[in-house]
Amino acid sequence: MKNNIKVYRLQYNMTQKELADQVHVSSRTIISLEKGKYKPSLMLAYRIACFFEVTIEELFCLQENKELEDLHDEHIQQ
């Protein structure tokens, strides 16, 4: 899942560990999120969005991810 976590984290001059500590997860979770290899729980997404003072939609590129998922689903159905 595409997201902007790294962009916001770097704007805040934070390490992955520092962000992880702020949102109560491991740094491994932040690494996986930034690589797009992990879909967070709604609560974790909310915690991160609140920390950066952005919406979950902005943080996780929800419109773009929905469009990509829809295209993928259409391709499979054909």
PDB file of N, CA and C in Angstrom:
ATOM      1  N   MET A   1       0.841  -1.172   0.000  1.00  0.00           N
ATOM      2  CA  MET A   1       0.000   0.000   0.000  1.00  0.00           C
ATOM      3  C   MET A   1       0.888   1.237   0.000  1.00  0.00           C
ATOM      4  N   LYS A   2       0.678   2.059  -0.987  1.00  0.00           N
ATOM      5  CA  LYS A   2       1.451   3.295  -1.102  1.00  0.00           C
ATOM      6  C   LYS A   2       1.072   4.237   0.037  1.00  0.00           C
ATOM      7  N   ASN A   3       2.068   4.932   0.565  1.00  0.00           N
ATOM      8  CA  ASN A   3       1.805   5.896   1.629  1.00  0.00           C
ATOM      9  C   ASN A   3       2.886   6.973   1.622  1.00  0.00           C
ATOM     10  N   ASN A   4       2.638   7.993   2.425  1.00  0.00           N
ATOM     11  CA  ASN A   4       3.565   9.129   2.538  1.00  0.00           C
ATOM     12  C   ASN A   4       4.246   9.195   3.893  1.00  0.00           C
ATOM     13  N   ILE A   5       4.323   8.088   4.592  1.00  0.00           N
ATOM     14  CA  ILE A   5       4.904   8.101   5.933  1.00  0.00           C
ATOM     15  C   ILE A   5       6.341   8.608   5.911  1.00  0.00           C
ATOM     16  N   LYS A   6       7.136   8.096   5.002  1.00  0.00           N
ATOM     17  CA  LYS A   6       8.545   8.513   4.955  1.00  0.00           C
ATOM     18  C   LYS A   6       8.659  10.005   4.658  1.00  0.00           C
ATOM     19  N   VAL A   7       7.825  10.506   3.769  1.00  0.00           N
ATOM     20  CA  VAL A   7       7.849  11.934   3.424  1.00  0.00           C
ATOM     21  C   VAL A   7       7.600  12.776   4.670  1.00  0.00           C
ATOM     22  N   TYR A   8       6.545  12.438   5.407  1.00  0.00           N
ATOM     23  CA  TYR A   8       6.228  13.196   6.621  1.00  0.00           C
ATOM     24  C   TYR A   8       7.296  12.995   7.695  1.00  0.00           C
ATOM     25  N   ARG A   9       7.764  11.766   7.834  1.00  0.00           N
ATOM     26  CA  ARG A   9       8.792  11.493   8.853  1.00  0.00           C
ATOM     27  C   ARG A   9      10.034  12.340   8.596  1.00  0.00           C
ATOM     28  N   LEU A  10      10.447  12.423   7.339  1.00  0.00           N
ATOM     29  CA  LEU A  10      11.638  13.210   7.007  1.00  0.00           C
ATOM     30  C   LEU A  10      11.393  14.707   7.197  1.00  0.00           C
ATOM     31  N   GLN A  11      10.176  15.159   6.935  1.00  0.00           N
ATOM     32  CA  GLN A  11       9.847  16.565   7.187  1.00  0.00           C
ATOM     33  C   GLN A  11       9.978  16.899   8.667  1.00  0.00           C
ATOM     34  N   TYR A  12       9.710  15.922   9.500  1.00  0.00           N
ATOM     35  CA  TYR A  12       9.822  16.105  10.945  1.00  0.00           C
ATOM     36  C   TYR A  12      11.227  15.777  11.455  1.00  0.00           C
ATOM     37  N   ASN A  13      12.130  15.443  10.531  1.00  0.00           N
ATOM     38  CA  ASN A  13      13.512  15.080  10.889  1.00  0.00           C
ATOM     39  C   ASN A  13      13.558  13.975  11.945  1.00  0.00           C
ATOM     40  N   MET A  14      12.760  12.937  11.705  1.00  0.00           N
ATOM     41  CA  MET A  14      12.678  11.835  12.664  1.00  0.00           C
ATOM     42  C   MET A  14      13.279  10.569  12.079  1.00  0.00           C
ATOM     43  N   THR A  15      13.791   9.736  12.957  1.00  0.00           N
ATOM     44  CA  THR A  15      14.214   8.397  12.536  1.00  0.00           C
ATOM     45  C   THR A  15      12.992   7.481  12.567  1.00  0.00           C
ATOM     46  N   GLN A  16      13.147   6.331  11.968  1.00  0.00           N
ATOM     47  CA  GLN A  16      12.066   5.342  12.017  1.00  0.00           C
ATOM     48  C   GLN A  16      11.799   4.921  13.454  1.00  0.00           C
ATOM     49  N   LYS A  17      12.840   4.790  14.235  1.00  0.00           N
ATOM     50  CA  LYS A  17      12.703   4.401  15.639  1.00  0.00           C
ATOM     51  C   LYS A  17      11.944   5.466  16.426  1.00  0.00           C
ATOM     52  N   GLU A  18      12.252   6.722  16.181  1.00  0.00           N
ATOM     53  CA  GLU A  18      11.556   7.803  16.891  1.00  0.00           C
ATOM     54  C   GLU A  18      10.068   7.803  16.572  1.00  0.00           C
ATOM     55  N   LEU A  19       9.727   7.629  15.295  1.00  0.00           N
ATOM     56  CA  LEU A  19       8.314   7.571  14.923  1.00  0.00           C
ATOM     57  C   LEU A  19       7.658   6.344  15.550  1.00  0.00           C
ATOM     58  N   ALA A  20       8.329   5.217  15.486  1.00  0.00           N
ATOM     59  CA  ALA A  20       7.796   3.989  16.075  1.00  0.00           C
ATOM     60  C   ALA A  20       7.477   4.198  17.554  1.00  0.00           C
ATOM     61  N   ASP A  21       8.376   4.820  18.269  1.00  0.00           N
ATOM     62  CA  ASP A  21       8.156   5.082  19.693  1.00  0.00           C
ATOM     63  C   ASP A  21       6.938   5.981  19.913  1.00  0.00           C
ATOM     64  N   GLN A  22       6.755   6.952  19.056  1.00  0.00           N
ATOM     65  CA  GLN A  22       5.634   7.888  19.198  1.00  0.00           C
ATOM     66  C   GLN A  22       4.275   7.216  18.977  1.00  0.00           C
ATOM     67  N   VAL A  23       4.237   6.211  18.094  1.00  0.00           N
ATOM     68  CA  VAL A  23       2.959   5.560  17.756  1.00  0.00           C
ATOM     69  C   VAL A  23       2.852   4.155  18.343  1.00  0.00           C
ATOM     70  N   HIS A  24       3.799   3.796  19.211  1.00  0.00           N
ATOM     71  CA  HIS A  24       3.745   2.554  19.992  1.00  0.00           C
ATOM     72  C   HIS A  24       3.833   1.278  19.155  1.00  0.00           C
ATOM     73  N   VAL A  25       4.765   1.271  18.201  1.00  0.00           N
ATOM     74  CA  VAL A  25       5.047   0.069  17.410  1.00  0.00           C
ATOM     75  C   VAL A  25       6.562  -0.105  17.327  1.00  0.00           C
ATOM     76  N   SER A  26       6.982  -1.192  16.702  1.00  0.00           N
ATOM     77  CA  SER A  26       8.416  -1.410  16.523  1.00  0.00           C
ATOM     78  C   SER A  26       8.920  -0.632  15.310  1.00  0.00           C
ATOM     79  N   SER A  27      10.206  -0.382  15.279  1.00  0.00           N
ATOM     80  CA  SER A  27      10.779   0.285  14.109  1.00  0.00           C
ATOM     81  C   SER A  27      10.611  -0.593  12.875  1.00  0.00           C
ATOM     82  N   ARG A  28      10.579  -1.921  13.074  1.00  0.00           N
ATOM     83  CA  ARG A  28      10.366  -2.855  11.954  1.00  0.00           C
ATOM     84  C   ARG A  28       9.004  -2.610  11.291  1.00  0.00           C
ATOM     85  N   THR A  29       8.008  -2.268  12.091  1.00  0.00           N
ATOM     86  CA  THR A  29       6.688  -1.962  11.548  1.00  0.00           C
ATOM     87  C   THR A  29       6.754  -0.715  10.671  1.00  0.00           C
ATOM     88  N   ILE A  30       7.442   0.306  11.137  1.00  0.00           N
ATOM     89  CA  ILE A  30       7.571   1.545  10.352  1.00  0.00           C
ATOM     90  C   ILE A  30       8.323   1.257   9.060  1.00  0.00           C
ATOM     91  N   ILE A  31       9.384   0.481   9.145  1.00  0.00           N
ATOM     92  CA  ILE A  31      10.148   0.120   7.941  1.00  0.00           C
ATOM     93  C   ILE A  31       9.237  -0.584   6.938  1.00  0.00           C
ATOM     94  N   SER A  32       8.466  -1.556   7.406  1.00  0.00           N
ATOM     95  CA  SER A  32       7.564  -2.302   6.522  1.00  0.00           C
ATOM     96  C   SER A  32       6.487  -1.411   5.929  1.00  0.00           C
ATOM     97  N   LEU A  33       5.964  -0.500   6.738  1.00  0.00           N
ATOM     98  CA  LEU A  33       4.970   0.442   6.228  1.00  0.00           C
ATOM     99  C   LEU A  33       5.563   1.319   5.128  1.00  0.00           C
ATOM    100  N   GLU A  34       6.740   1.863   5.390  1.00  0.00           N
ATOM    101  CA  GLU A  34       7.363   2.749   4.407  1.00  0.00           C
ATOM    102  C   GLU A  34       7.678   2.029   3.104  1.00  0.00           C
ATOM    103  N   LYS A  35       7.964   0.763   3.172  1.00  0.00           N
ATOM    104  CA  LYS A  35       8.237  -0.016   1.968  1.00  0.00           C
ATOM    105  C   LYS A  35       6.956  -0.481   1.274  1.00  0.00           C
ATOM    106  N   GLY A  36       5.809  -0.221   1.883  1.00  0.00           N
ATOM    107  CA  GLY A  36       4.534  -0.630   1.304  1.00  0.00           C
ATOM    108  C   GLY A  36       4.274  -2.115   1.441  1.00  0.00           C
ATOM    109  N   LYS A  37       4.943  -2.760   2.381  1.00  0.00           N
ATOM    110  CA  LYS A  37       4.818  -4.212   2.542  1.00  0.00           C
ATOM    111  C   LYS A  37       3.879  -4.588   3.673  1.00  0.00           C
ATOM    112  N   TYR A  38       3.262  -3.617   4.299  1.00  0.00           N
ATOM    113  CA  TYR A  38       2.411  -3.890   5.454  1.00  0.00           C
ATOM    114  C   TYR A  38       1.225  -2.942   5.428  1.00  0.00           C
ATOM    115  N   LYS A  39       0.026  -3.491   5.611  1.00  0.00           N
ATOM    116  CA  LYS A  39      -1.169  -2.663   5.720  1.00  0.00           C
ATOM    117  C   LYS A  39      -1.491  -2.520   7.194  1.00  0.00           C
ATOM    118  N   PRO A  40      -1.502  -1.292   7.680  1.00  0.00           N
ATOM    119  CA  PRO A  40      -1.701  -1.083   9.112  1.00  0.00           C
ATOM    120  C   PRO A  40      -3.151  -1.294   9.531  1.00  0.00           C
ATOM    121  N   SER A  41      -3.329  -1.515  10.813  1.00  0.00           N
ATOM    122  CA  SER A  41      -4.683  -1.512  11.365  1.00  0.00           C
ATOM    123  C   SER A  41      -5.223  -0.089  11.249  1.00  0.00           C
ATOM    124  N   LEU A  42      -6.508   0.037  11.344  1.00  0.00           N
ATOM    125  CA  LEU A  42      -7.120   1.358  11.292  1.00  0.00           C
ATOM    126  C   LEU A  42      -6.608   2.227  12.436  1.00  0.00           C
ATOM    127  N   MET A  43      -6.445   1.630  13.608  1.00  0.00           N
ATOM    128  CA  MET A  43      -5.969   2.402  14.761  1.00  0.00           C
ATOM    129  C   MET A  43      -4.538   2.891  14.557  1.00  0.00           C
ATOM    130  N   LEU A  44      -3.675   2.051  14.001  1.00  0.00           N
ATOM    131  CA  LEU A  44      -2.301   2.495  13.744  1.00  0.00           C
ATOM    132  C   LEU A  44      -2.289   3.594  12.690  1.00  0.00           C
ATOM    133  N   ALA A  45      -3.066   3.429  11.639  1.00  0.00           N
ATOM    134  CA  ALA A  45      -3.153   4.473  10.612  1.00  0.00           C
ATOM    135  C   ALA A  45      -3.613   5.789  11.236  1.00  0.00           C
ATOM    136  N   TYR A  46      -4.590   5.695  12.117  1.00  0.00           N
ATOM    137  CA  TYR A  46      -5.110   6.880  12.798  1.00  0.00           C
ATOM    138  C   TYR A  46      -4.043   7.513  13.702  1.00  0.00           C
ATOM    139  N   ARG A  47      -3.316   6.685  14.441  1.00  0.00           N
ATOM    140  CA  ARG A  47      -2.263   7.207  15.326  1.00  0.00           C
ATOM    141  C   ARG A  47      -1.202   7.980  14.540  1.00  0.00           C
ATOM    142  N   ILE A  48      -0.778   7.400  13.422  1.00  0.00           N
ATOM    143  CA  ILE A  48       0.266   8.046  12.617  1.00  0.00           C
ATOM    144  C   ILE A  48      -0.268   9.346  12.005  1.00  0.00           C
ATOM    145  N   ALA A  49      -1.483   9.290  11.476  1.00  0.00           N
ATOM    146  CA  ALA A  49      -2.082  10.486  10.879  1.00  0.00           C
ATOM    147  C   ALA A  49      -2.232  11.598  11.916  1.00  0.00           C
ATOM    148  N   CYS A  50      -2.692  11.228  13.100  1.00  0.00           N
ATOM    149  CA  CYS A  50      -2.822  12.233  14.174  1.00  0.00           C
ATOM    150  C   CYS A  50      -1.471  12.827  14.541  1.00  0.00           C
ATOM    151  N   PHE A  51      -0.464  11.978  14.626  1.00  0.00           N
ATOM    152  CA  PHE A  51       0.869  12.466  14.977  1.00  0.00           C
ATOM    153  C   PHE A  51       1.343  13.519  13.975  1.00  0.00           C
ATOM    154  N   PHE A  52       1.137  13.249  12.685  1.00  0.00           N
ATOM    155  CA  PHE A  52       1.591  14.182  11.645  1.00  0.00           C
ATOM    156  C   PHE A  52       0.560  15.272  11.330  1.00  0.00           C
ATOM    157  N   GLU A  53      -0.582  15.215  11.999  1.00  0.00           N
ATOM    158  CA  GLU A  53      -1.653  16.200  11.806  1.00  0.00           C
ATOM    159  C   GLU A  53      -2.119  16.258  10.357  1.00  0.00           C
ATOM    160  N   VAL A  54      -2.331  15.074   9.780  1.00  0.00           N
ATOM    161  CA  VAL A  54      -2.885  14.945   8.426  1.00  0.00           C
ATOM    162  C   VAL A  54      -4.015  13.925   8.491  1.00  0.00           C
ATOM    163  N   THR A  55      -4.757  13.822   7.417  1.00  0.00           N
ATOM    164  CA  THR A  55      -5.821  12.817   7.378  1.00  0.00           C
ATOM    165  C   THR A  55      -5.239  11.455   7.004  1.00  0.00           C
ATOM    166  N   ILE A  56      -5.968  10.420   7.343  1.00  0.00           N
ATOM    167  CA  ILE A  56      -5.561   9.072   6.942  1.00  0.00           C
ATOM    168  C   ILE A  56      -5.522   8.997   5.415  1.00  0.00           C
ATOM    169  N   GLU A  57      -6.477   9.644   4.763  1.00  0.00           N
ATOM    170  CA  GLU A  57      -6.504   9.656   3.294  1.00  0.00           C
ATOM    171  C   GLU A  57      -5.232  10.235   2.706  1.00  0.00           C
ATOM    172  N   GLU A  58      -4.764  11.335   3.272  1.00  0.00           N
ATOM    173  CA  GLU A  58      -3.526  11.953   2.785  1.00  0.00           C
ATOM    174  C   GLU A  58      -2.318  11.061   3.062  1.00  0.00           C
ATOM    175  N   LEU A  59      -2.261  10.531   4.247  1.00  0.00           N
ATOM    176  CA  LEU A  59      -1.109   9.741   4.656  1.00  0.00           C
ATOM    177  C   LEU A  59      -0.976   8.458   3.848  1.00  0.00           C
ATOM    178  N   PHE A  60      -2.108   7.817   3.565  1.00  0.00           N
ATOM    179  CA  PHE A  60      -2.068   6.524   2.893  1.00  0.00           C
ATOM    180  C   PHE A  60      -2.534   6.567   1.436  1.00  0.00           C
ATOM    181  N   CYS A  61      -2.616   7.753   0.845  1.00  0.00           N
ATOM    182  CA  CYS A  61      -2.934   7.879  -0.583  1.00  0.00           C
ATOM    183  C   CYS A  61      -4.141   7.002  -0.934  1.00  0.00           C
ATOM    184  N   LEU A  62      -5.202   7.092  -0.149  1.00  0.00           N
ATOM    185  CA  LEU A  62      -6.313   6.161  -0.291  1.00  0.00           C
ATOM    186  C   LEU A  62      -6.978   6.206  -1.663  1.00  0.00           C
ATOM    187  N   GLN A  63      -7.142   7.387  -2.231  1.00  0.00           N
ATOM    188  CA  GLN A  63      -7.765   7.468  -3.555  1.00  0.00           C
ATOM    189  C   GLN A  63      -6.906   6.738  -4.591  1.00  0.00           C
ATOM    190  N   GLU A  64      -5.620   7.006  -4.569  1.00  0.00           N
ATOM    191  CA  GLU A  64      -4.704   6.361  -5.518  1.00  0.00           C
ATOM    192  C   GLU A  64      -4.666   4.843  -5.301  1.00  0.00           C
ATOM    193  N   ASN A  65      -4.609   4.417  -4.054  1.00  0.00           N
ATOM    194  CA  ASN A  65      -4.587   2.980  -3.766  1.00  0.00           C
ATOM    195  C   ASN A  65      -5.888   2.309  -4.198  1.00  0.00           C
ATOM    196  N   LYS A  66      -7.023   2.992  -4.025  1.00  0.00           N
ATOM    197  CA  LYS A  66      -8.311   2.440  -4.460  1.00  0.00           C
ATOM    198  C   LYS A  66      -8.329   2.267  -5.973  1.00  0.00           C
ATOM    199  N   GLU A  67      -7.863   3.274  -6.688  1.00  0.00           N
ATOM    200  CA  GLU A  67      -7.843   3.193  -8.152  1.00  0.00           C
ATOM    201  C   GLU A  67      -6.949   2.049  -8.625  1.00  0.00           C
ATOM    202  N   LEU A  68      -5.795   1.893  -8.008  1.00  0.00           N
ATOM    203  CA  LEU A  68      -4.900   0.793  -8.382  1.00  0.00           C
ATOM    204  C   LEU A  68      -5.542  -0.564  -8.088  1.00  0.00           C
ATOM    205  N   GLU A  69      -6.193  -0.664  -6.943  1.00  0.00           N
ATOM    206  CA  GLU A  69      -6.857  -1.908  -6.576  1.00  0.00           C
ATOM    207  C   GLU A  69      -8.011  -2.211  -7.532  1.00  0.00           C
ATOM    208  N   ASP A  70      -8.773  -1.178  -7.914  1.00  0.00           N
ATOM    209  CA  ASP A  70      -9.876  -1.362  -8.857  1.00  0.00           C
ATOM    210  C   ASP A  70      -9.368  -1.846 -10.209  1.00  0.00           C
ATOM    211  N   LEU A  71      -8.263  -1.266 -10.685  1.00  0.00           N
ATOM    212  CA  LEU A  71      -7.677  -1.696 -11.947  1.00  0.00           C
ATOM    213  C   LEU A  71      -7.219  -3.150 -11.866  1.00  0.00           C
ATOM    214  N   HIS A  72      -6.616  -3.504 -10.765  1.00  0.00           N
ATOM    215  CA  HIS A  72      -6.153  -4.870 -10.555  1.00  0.00           C
ATOM    216  C   HIS A  72      -7.348  -5.837 -10.565  1.00  0.00           C
ATOM    217  N   ASP A  73      -8.409  -5.469  -9.884  1.00  0.00           N
ATOM    218  CA  ASP A  73      -9.608  -6.313  -9.824  1.00  0.00           C
ATOM    219  C   ASP A  73     -10.241  -6.467 -11.200  1.00  0.00           C
ATOM    220  N   GLU A  74     -10.295  -5.392 -11.977  1.00  0.00           N
ATOM    221  CA  GLU A  74     -10.846  -5.456 -13.340  1.00  0.00           C
ATOM    222  C   GLU A  74     -10.023  -6.400 -14.204  1.00  0.00           C
ATOM    223  N   HIS A  75      -8.714  -6.322 -14.069  1.00  0.00           N
ATOM    224  CA  HIS A  75      -7.824  -7.170 -14.854  1.00  0.00           C
ATOM    225  C   HIS A  75      -8.041  -8.648 -14.522  1.00  0.00           C
ATOM    226  N   ILE A  76      -8.230  -8.942 -13.262  1.00  0.00           N
ATOM    227  CA  ILE A  76      -8.443 -10.330 -12.842  1.00  0.00           C
ATOM    228  C   ILE A  76      -9.776 -10.862 -13.361  1.00  0.00           C
ATOM    229  N   GLN A  77     -10.799 -10.011 -13.392  1.00  0.00           N
ATOM    230  CA  GLN A  77     -12.126 -10.433 -13.810  1.00  0.00           C
ATOM    231  C   GLN A  77     -12.218 -10.676 -15.311  1.00  0.00           C
ATOM    232  N   GLN A  78     -11.285 -10.158 -16.072  1.00  0.00           N
ATOM    233  CA  GLN A  78     -11.356 -10.297 -17.539  1.00  0.00           C
ATOM    234  C   GLN A  78     -10.929 -11.658 -17.993  1.00  0.00           C
TER     235      GLN A  78
END
